[in-house]
């Protein structure tokens, strides 16, 4: 089967912490996308599009920016990146005024607090991607072989807790937690904590 090329994403967002969170969401969800550009205002977004517009498949755009609003970027994108899809990604995405100014100009509205699974579903629907993966389905079915303690440790790992923090939380030694994680990796055929976090979301062990 021909390998699908990743969707190339431009993020237009002025908050660095949110951009970081978006990158983590892409990694944890296993989205077939890669961030090729990050800009923080209208001016830098326009400059990026003028230089790299033909290298962008999706623009994730915050509406309120320090030097203007998303409409300025949308019109520029229609000129320099006409094939790219545009999604308004904002805490104000359901604001009637925002919708009135962008209706018919964008391909979707996503809330900033979308969980990784919801974002993945919308992402795949936007590009018509069939996300069925036999290997992933097999690994998810393996959760029936995990003990209650192992599932609990997976859930805490997915919340970003270290082995020591998990040990303190569960009243265990760090060594015991590490042994549990080793058994989990073996059962699920995983190699890293990042893989484990992705599994947790795929298997819906966390929300």
C-alpha atoms as a PDB file:
ATOM      1  CA  UNK A   1       0.000   0.000   0.000  1.00  0.00           C
ATOM      2  CA  UNK A   2       1.295   3.448  -0.906  1.00  0.00           C
ATOM      3  CA  UNK A   3       2.291   5.401   2.178  1.00  0.00           C
ATOM      4  CA  UNK A   4       0.138   8.469   2.759  1.00  0.00           C
ATOM      5  CA  UNK A   5       2.026  11.747   2.821  1.00  0.00           C
ATOM      6  CA  UNK A   6       1.485  13.715   6.038  1.00  0.00           C
ATOM      7  CA  UNK A   7      -0.828  16.708   5.945  1.00  0.00           C
ATOM      8  CA  UNK A   8       1.288  19.876   6.127  1.00  0.00           C
ATOM      9  CA  UNK A   9      -0.029  22.264   8.754  1.00  0.00           C
ATOM     10  CA  UNK A  10       0.487  25.972   9.369  1.00  0.00           C
ATOM     11  CA  UNK A  11      -0.431  27.128  12.884  1.00  0.00           C
ATOM     12  CA  UNK A  12      -1.353  30.789  13.339  1.00  0.00           C
ATOM     13  CA  UNK A  13      -1.576  31.345  17.094  1.00  0.00           C
ATOM     14  CA  UNK A  14      -0.059  33.976  19.367  1.00  0.00           C
ATOM     15  CA  UNK A  15       0.177  31.893  22.562  1.00  0.00           C
ATOM     16  CA  UNK A  16       3.403  29.779  22.698  1.00  0.00           C
ATOM     17  CA  UNK A  17       2.017  27.401  25.325  1.00  0.00           C
ATOM     18  CA  UNK A  18      -1.001  26.608  23.181  1.00  0.00           C
ATOM     19  CA  UNK A  19       1.229  25.975  20.147  1.00  0.00           C
ATOM     20  CA  UNK A  20       3.241  23.562  22.279  1.00  0.00           C
ATOM     21  CA  UNK A  21       0.065  21.819  23.407  1.00  0.00           C
ATOM     22  CA  UNK A  22      -1.071  21.497  19.816  1.00  0.00           C
ATOM     23  CA  UNK A  23       2.192  19.813  18.854  1.00  0.00           C
ATOM     24  CA  UNK A  24       1.748  17.345  21.733  1.00  0.00           C
ATOM     25  CA  UNK A  25      -1.825  16.673  20.652  1.00  0.00           C
ATOM     26  CA  UNK A  26      -0.642  15.855  17.142  1.00  0.00           C
ATOM     27  CA  UNK A  27       1.943  13.437  18.544  1.00  0.00           C
ATOM     28  CA  UNK A  28      -0.360  11.742  21.058  1.00  0.00           C
ATOM     29  CA  UNK A  29      -3.256  11.357  18.650  1.00  0.00           C
ATOM     30  CA  UNK A  30      -1.190   9.873  15.858  1.00  0.00           C
ATOM     31  CA  UNK A  31      -2.606  12.385  13.387  1.00  0.00           C
ATOM     32  CA  UNK A  32      -1.151  12.032   9.919  1.00  0.00           C
ATOM     33  CA  UNK A  33      -0.046  15.647   9.979  1.00  0.00           C
ATOM     34  CA  UNK A  34       3.133  17.629  10.472  1.00  0.00           C
ATOM     35  CA  UNK A  35       3.489  21.267  11.498  1.00  0.00           C
ATOM     36  CA  UNK A  36       5.552  23.016   8.816  1.00  0.00           C
ATOM     37  CA  UNK A  37       5.134  26.533  10.156  1.00  0.00           C
ATOM     38  CA  UNK A  38       4.167  28.454  13.280  1.00  0.00           C
ATOM     39  CA  UNK A  39       3.332  32.164  13.199  1.00  0.00           C
ATOM     40  CA  UNK A  40       2.063  34.430  15.947  1.00  0.00           C
ATOM     41  CA  UNK A  41       0.339  37.321  14.180  1.00  0.00           C
ATOM     42  CA  UNK A  42      -1.264  38.454  10.921  1.00  0.00           C
ATOM     43  CA  UNK A  43       1.937  39.964   9.528  1.00  0.00           C
ATOM     44  CA  UNK A  44       4.074  36.837  10.015  1.00  0.00           C
ATOM     45  CA  UNK A  45       1.271  34.575   8.747  1.00  0.00           C
ATOM     46  CA  UNK A  46       0.978  36.589   5.536  1.00  0.00           C
ATOM     47  CA  UNK A  47       4.755  36.512   5.041  1.00  0.00           C
ATOM     48  CA  UNK A  48       4.828  32.741   5.510  1.00  0.00           C
ATOM     49  CA  UNK A  49       1.989  32.206   3.038  1.00  0.00           C
ATOM     50  CA  UNK A  50       3.653  34.418   0.446  1.00  0.00           C
ATOM     51  CA  UNK A  51       6.822  32.322   0.640  1.00  0.00           C
ATOM     52  CA  UNK A  52       5.460  28.842   1.379  1.00  0.00           C
ATOM     53  CA  UNK A  53       1.773  28.894   0.454  1.00  0.00           C
ATOM     54  CA  UNK A  54       2.121  25.942  -1.903  1.00  0.00           C
ATOM     55  CA  UNK A  55       3.620  23.866   0.931  1.00  0.00           C
ATOM     56  CA  UNK A  56       0.558  24.077   3.195  1.00  0.00           C
ATOM     57  CA  UNK A  57      -2.437  21.714   3.242  1.00  0.00           C
ATOM     58  CA  UNK A  58      -4.154  22.939   6.404  1.00  0.00           C
ATOM     59  CA  UNK A  59      -4.174  26.244   8.278  1.00  0.00           C
ATOM     60  CA  UNK A  60      -5.156  26.129  11.951  1.00  0.00           C
ATOM     61  CA  UNK A  61      -6.028  29.727  12.666  1.00  0.00           C
ATOM     62  CA  UNK A  62      -6.784  31.651  15.832  1.00  0.00           C
ATOM     63  CA  UNK A  63      -9.315  34.406  15.173  1.00  0.00           C
ATOM     64  CA  UNK A  64      -8.034  37.090  17.530  1.00  0.00           C
ATOM     65  CA  UNK A  65      -4.413  38.022  16.825  1.00  0.00           C
ATOM     66  CA  UNK A  66      -2.281  40.873  18.230  1.00  0.00           C
ATOM     67  CA  UNK A  67      -2.262  42.889  15.008  1.00  0.00           C
ATOM     68  CA  UNK A  68      -5.634  42.041  13.491  1.00  0.00           C
ATOM     69  CA  UNK A  69      -8.055  39.162  13.126  1.00  0.00           C
ATOM     70  CA  UNK A  70      -8.228  35.892  11.264  1.00  0.00           C
ATOM     71  CA  UNK A  71     -10.171  37.304   8.333  1.00  0.00           C
ATOM     72  CA  UNK A  72      -7.037  39.108   7.110  1.00  0.00           C
ATOM     73  CA  UNK A  73      -5.132  35.814   7.097  1.00  0.00           C
ATOM     74  CA  UNK A  74      -8.018  33.939   5.453  1.00  0.00           C
ATOM     75  CA  UNK A  75      -8.148  36.272   2.454  1.00  0.00           C
ATOM     76  CA  UNK A  76      -4.362  36.071   2.079  1.00  0.00           C
ATOM     77  CA  UNK A  77      -4.527  32.273   2.230  1.00  0.00           C
ATOM     78  CA  UNK A  78      -7.141  32.192  -0.522  1.00  0.00           C
ATOM     79  CA  UNK A  79      -4.653  34.013  -2.752  1.00  0.00           C
ATOM     80  CA  UNK A  80      -1.380  32.304  -1.862  1.00  0.00           C
ATOM     81  CA  UNK A  81      -2.555  28.887  -0.681  1.00  0.00           C
ATOM     82  CA  UNK A  82      -5.868  28.307  -2.492  1.00  0.00           C
ATOM     83  CA  UNK A  83      -5.802  24.515  -2.083  1.00  0.00           C
ATOM     84  CA  UNK A  84      -5.261  24.626   1.679  1.00  0.00           C
ATOM     85  CA  UNK A  85      -8.131  23.951   4.046  1.00  0.00           C
ATOM     86  CA  UNK A  86      -8.680  26.514   6.788  1.00  0.00           C
ATOM     87  CA  UNK A  87      -9.959  25.709  10.258  1.00  0.00           C
ATOM     88  CA  UNK A  88     -10.703  28.371  12.831  1.00  0.00           C
ATOM     89  CA  UNK A  89      -9.181  27.108  16.070  1.00  0.00           C
ATOM     90  CA  UNK A  90     -10.291  29.361  18.884  1.00  0.00           C
ATOM     91  CA  UNK A  91     -12.007  29.619  22.212  1.00  0.00           C
ATOM     92  CA  UNK A  92     -14.300  32.014  20.359  1.00  0.00           C
ATOM     93  CA  UNK A  93     -15.090  29.649  17.501  1.00  0.00           C
ATOM     94  CA  UNK A  94     -18.777  29.507  18.471  1.00  0.00           C
ATOM     95  CA  UNK A  95     -19.085  33.257  18.903  1.00  0.00           C
ATOM     96  CA  UNK A  96     -21.896  34.405  16.529  1.00  0.00           C
ATOM     97  CA  UNK A  97     -19.868  37.454  15.510  1.00  0.00           C
ATOM     98  CA  UNK A  98     -16.851  35.300  14.609  1.00  0.00           C
ATOM     99  CA  UNK A  99     -19.024  32.923  12.593  1.00  0.00           C
ATOM    100  CA  UNK A 100     -20.722  35.829  10.814  1.00  0.00           C
ATOM    101  CA  UNK A 101     -17.375  37.221   9.670  1.00  0.00           C
ATOM    102  CA  UNK A 102     -15.963  33.862   8.554  1.00  0.00           C
ATOM    103  CA  UNK A 103     -18.981  31.902   7.311  1.00  0.00           C
ATOM    104  CA  UNK A 104     -18.210  30.404   3.906  1.00  0.00           C
ATOM    105  CA  UNK A 105     -14.544  31.379   4.165  1.00  0.00           C
ATOM    106  CA  UNK A 106     -13.303  28.470   6.295  1.00  0.00           C
ATOM    107  CA  UNK A 107     -13.682  24.693   6.259  1.00  0.00           C
ATOM    108  CA  UNK A 108     -14.454  24.204   9.933  1.00  0.00           C
ATOM    109  CA  UNK A 109     -14.543  25.486  13.493  1.00  0.00           C
ATOM    110  CA  UNK A 110     -12.677  23.642  16.258  1.00  0.00           C
ATOM    111  CA  UNK A 111     -12.619  24.631  19.909  1.00  0.00           C
ATOM    112  CA  UNK A 112      -9.259  25.143  21.571  1.00  0.00           C
ATOM    113  CA  UNK A 113     -10.208  22.676  24.288  1.00  0.00           C
ATOM    114  CA  UNK A 114     -10.799  19.780  21.867  1.00  0.00           C
ATOM    115  CA  UNK A 115      -9.485  16.534  23.330  1.00  0.00           C
ATOM    116  CA  UNK A 116      -6.973  14.610  21.151  1.00  0.00           C
ATOM    117  CA  UNK A 117      -9.457  11.957  20.027  1.00  0.00           C
ATOM    118  CA  UNK A 118     -12.066  14.529  18.986  1.00  0.00           C
ATOM    119  CA  UNK A 119      -9.464  16.527  17.092  1.00  0.00           C
ATOM    120  CA  UNK A 120      -8.244  13.396  15.344  1.00  0.00           C
ATOM    121  CA  UNK A 121     -11.775  12.470  14.288  1.00  0.00           C
ATOM    122  CA  UNK A 122     -12.416  15.952  12.860  1.00  0.00           C
ATOM    123  CA  UNK A 123      -8.998  16.033  11.200  1.00  0.00           C
ATOM    124  CA  UNK A 124      -9.567  12.702   9.464  1.00  0.00           C
ATOM    125  CA  UNK A 125     -13.099  13.679   8.403  1.00  0.00           C
ATOM    126  CA  UNK A 126     -11.808  16.950   6.948  1.00  0.00           C
ATOM    127  CA  UNK A 127      -9.370  15.095   4.687  1.00  0.00           C
ATOM    128  CA  UNK A 128     -11.420  11.931   4.127  1.00  0.00           C
ATOM    129  CA  UNK A 129      -8.869   9.741   5.866  1.00  0.00           C
ATOM    130  CA  UNK A 130      -9.861   6.179   6.746  1.00  0.00           C
ATOM    131  CA  UNK A 131      -8.178   5.667  10.094  1.00  0.00           C
ATOM    132  CA  UNK A 132      -8.676   1.893  10.357  1.00  0.00           C
ATOM    133  CA  UNK A 133      -5.422   0.323  11.435  1.00  0.00           C
ATOM    134  CA  UNK A 134      -5.379  -3.431  12.072  1.00  0.00           C
ATOM    135  CA  UNK A 135      -2.199  -3.214  14.125  1.00  0.00           C
ATOM    136  CA  UNK A 136      -3.664  -0.478  16.319  1.00  0.00           C
ATOM    137  CA  UNK A 137      -6.902  -2.430  16.733  1.00  0.00           C
ATOM    138  CA  UNK A 138      -4.903  -5.466  17.837  1.00  0.00           C
ATOM    139  CA  UNK A 139      -2.965  -3.481  20.420  1.00  0.00           C
ATOM    140  CA  UNK A 140      -6.140  -1.908  21.780  1.00  0.00           C
ATOM    141  CA  UNK A 141      -7.779  -5.301  22.166  1.00  0.00           C
ATOM    142  CA  UNK A 142      -4.828  -6.314  24.307  1.00  0.00           C
ATOM    143  CA  UNK A 143      -6.038  -4.078  27.127  1.00  0.00           C
ATOM    144  CA  UNK A 144      -8.157  -7.024  28.284  1.00  0.00           C
ATOM    145  CA  UNK A 145      -4.875  -8.686  29.297  1.00  0.00           C
ATOM    146  CA  UNK A 146      -3.788  -5.761  31.450  1.00  0.00           C
ATOM    147  CA  UNK A 147      -4.295  -5.843  35.191  1.00  0.00           C
ATOM    148  CA  UNK A 148      -6.227  -3.115  36.975  1.00  0.00           C
ATOM    149  CA  UNK A 149      -2.953  -1.808  38.419  1.00  0.00           C
ATOM    150  CA  UNK A 150      -1.324  -1.697  34.982  1.00  0.00           C
ATOM    151  CA  UNK A 151      -4.261   0.237  33.523  1.00  0.00           C
ATOM    152  CA  UNK A 152      -4.053   2.668  36.450  1.00  0.00           C
ATOM    153  CA  UNK A 153      -0.344   3.236  35.774  1.00  0.00           C
ATOM    154  CA  UNK A 154      -1.013   3.797  32.051  1.00  0.00           C
ATOM    155  CA  UNK A 155      -3.645   6.407  32.928  1.00  0.00           C
ATOM    156  CA  UNK A 156      -1.250   8.238  35.254  1.00  0.00           C
ATOM    157  CA  UNK A 157       1.511   8.146  32.619  1.00  0.00           C
ATOM    158  CA  UNK A 158      -0.926   9.700  30.159  1.00  0.00           C
ATOM    159  CA  UNK A 159      -1.440  12.561  32.632  1.00  0.00           C
ATOM    160  CA  UNK A 160       2.287  13.307  32.426  1.00  0.00           C
ATOM    161  CA  UNK A 161       3.275  11.877  35.798  1.00  0.00           C
ATOM    162  CA  UNK A 162       6.801  10.546  36.316  1.00  0.00           C
ATOM    163  CA  UNK A 163       7.564   7.100  37.739  1.00  0.00           C
ATOM    164  CA  UNK A 164       8.324   8.677  41.131  1.00  0.00           C
ATOM    165  CA  UNK A 165       5.110  10.695  41.121  1.00  0.00           C
ATOM    166  CA  UNK A 166       3.116   7.569  40.244  1.00  0.00           C
ATOM    167  CA  UNK A 167       4.883   5.672  43.029  1.00  0.00           C
ATOM    168  CA  UNK A 168       4.016   8.398  45.556  1.00  0.00           C
ATOM    169  CA  UNK A 169       0.410   8.511  44.317  1.00  0.00           C
ATOM    170  CA  UNK A 170      -0.105   4.736  44.582  1.00  0.00           C
ATOM    171  CA  UNK A 171       2.009   4.106  47.673  1.00  0.00           C
ATOM    172  CA  UNK A 172       4.513   1.972  45.748  1.00  0.00           C
ATOM    173  CA  UNK A 173       8.269   2.084  45.304  1.00  0.00           C
ATOM    174  CA  UNK A 174       9.629   3.632  42.128  1.00  0.00           C
ATOM    175  CA  UNK A 175      11.211   0.264  41.301  1.00  0.00           C
ATOM    176  CA  UNK A 176       7.799  -1.431  41.449  1.00  0.00           C
ATOM    177  CA  UNK A 177       6.322   1.155  39.084  1.00  0.00           C
ATOM    178  CA  UNK A 178       9.206   0.652  36.651  1.00  0.00           C
ATOM    179  CA  UNK A 179       8.647  -3.123  36.740  1.00  0.00           C
ATOM    180  CA  UNK A 180       4.939  -2.612  36.021  1.00  0.00           C
ATOM    181  CA  UNK A 181       5.803  -0.335  33.086  1.00  0.00           C
ATOM    182  CA  UNK A 182       8.235  -2.926  31.751  1.00  0.00           C
ATOM    183  CA  UNK A 183       5.482  -5.560  31.808  1.00  0.00           C
ATOM    184  CA  UNK A 184       3.074  -3.143  30.126  1.00  0.00           C
ATOM    185  CA  UNK A 185       5.557  -2.397  27.327  1.00  0.00           C
ATOM    186  CA  UNK A 186       6.057  -6.120  26.786  1.00  0.00           C
ATOM    187  CA  UNK A 187       2.340  -6.903  26.700  1.00  0.00           C
ATOM    188  CA  UNK A 188       1.540  -4.066  24.297  1.00  0.00           C
ATOM    189  CA  UNK A 189       4.712  -4.319  22.208  1.00  0.00           C
ATOM    190  CA  UNK A 190       5.588  -0.676  22.895  1.00  0.00           C
ATOM    191  CA  UNK A 191       8.981   0.940  23.425  1.00  0.00           C
ATOM    192  CA  UNK A 192       8.588   4.413  24.935  1.00  0.00           C
ATOM    193  CA  UNK A 193       6.388   6.368  27.317  1.00  0.00           C
ATOM    194  CA  UNK A 194       5.247   8.485  24.348  1.00  0.00           C
ATOM    195  CA  UNK A 195       4.020   5.280  22.663  1.00  0.00           C
ATOM    196  CA  UNK A 196       2.254   4.388  25.907  1.00  0.00           C
ATOM    197  CA  UNK A 197       0.474   7.749  26.095  1.00  0.00           C
ATOM    198  CA  UNK A 198      -0.682   7.382  22.492  1.00  0.00           C
ATOM    199  CA  UNK A 199      -1.975   3.892  23.310  1.00  0.00           C
ATOM    200  CA  UNK A 200      -3.885   5.283  26.295  1.00  0.00           C
ATOM    201  CA  UNK A 201      -5.785   7.647  24.001  1.00  0.00           C
ATOM    202  CA  UNK A 202      -6.277   5.043  21.252  1.00  0.00           C
ATOM    203  CA  UNK A 203      -7.673   2.567  23.762  1.00  0.00           C
ATOM    204  CA  UNK A 204      -9.798   5.287  25.387  1.00  0.00           C
ATOM    205  CA  UNK A 205      -8.243   4.695  28.791  1.00  0.00           C
ATOM    206  CA  UNK A 206      -8.165   8.474  29.255  1.00  0.00           C
ATOM    207  CA  UNK A 207     -10.501  11.222  28.106  1.00  0.00           C
END
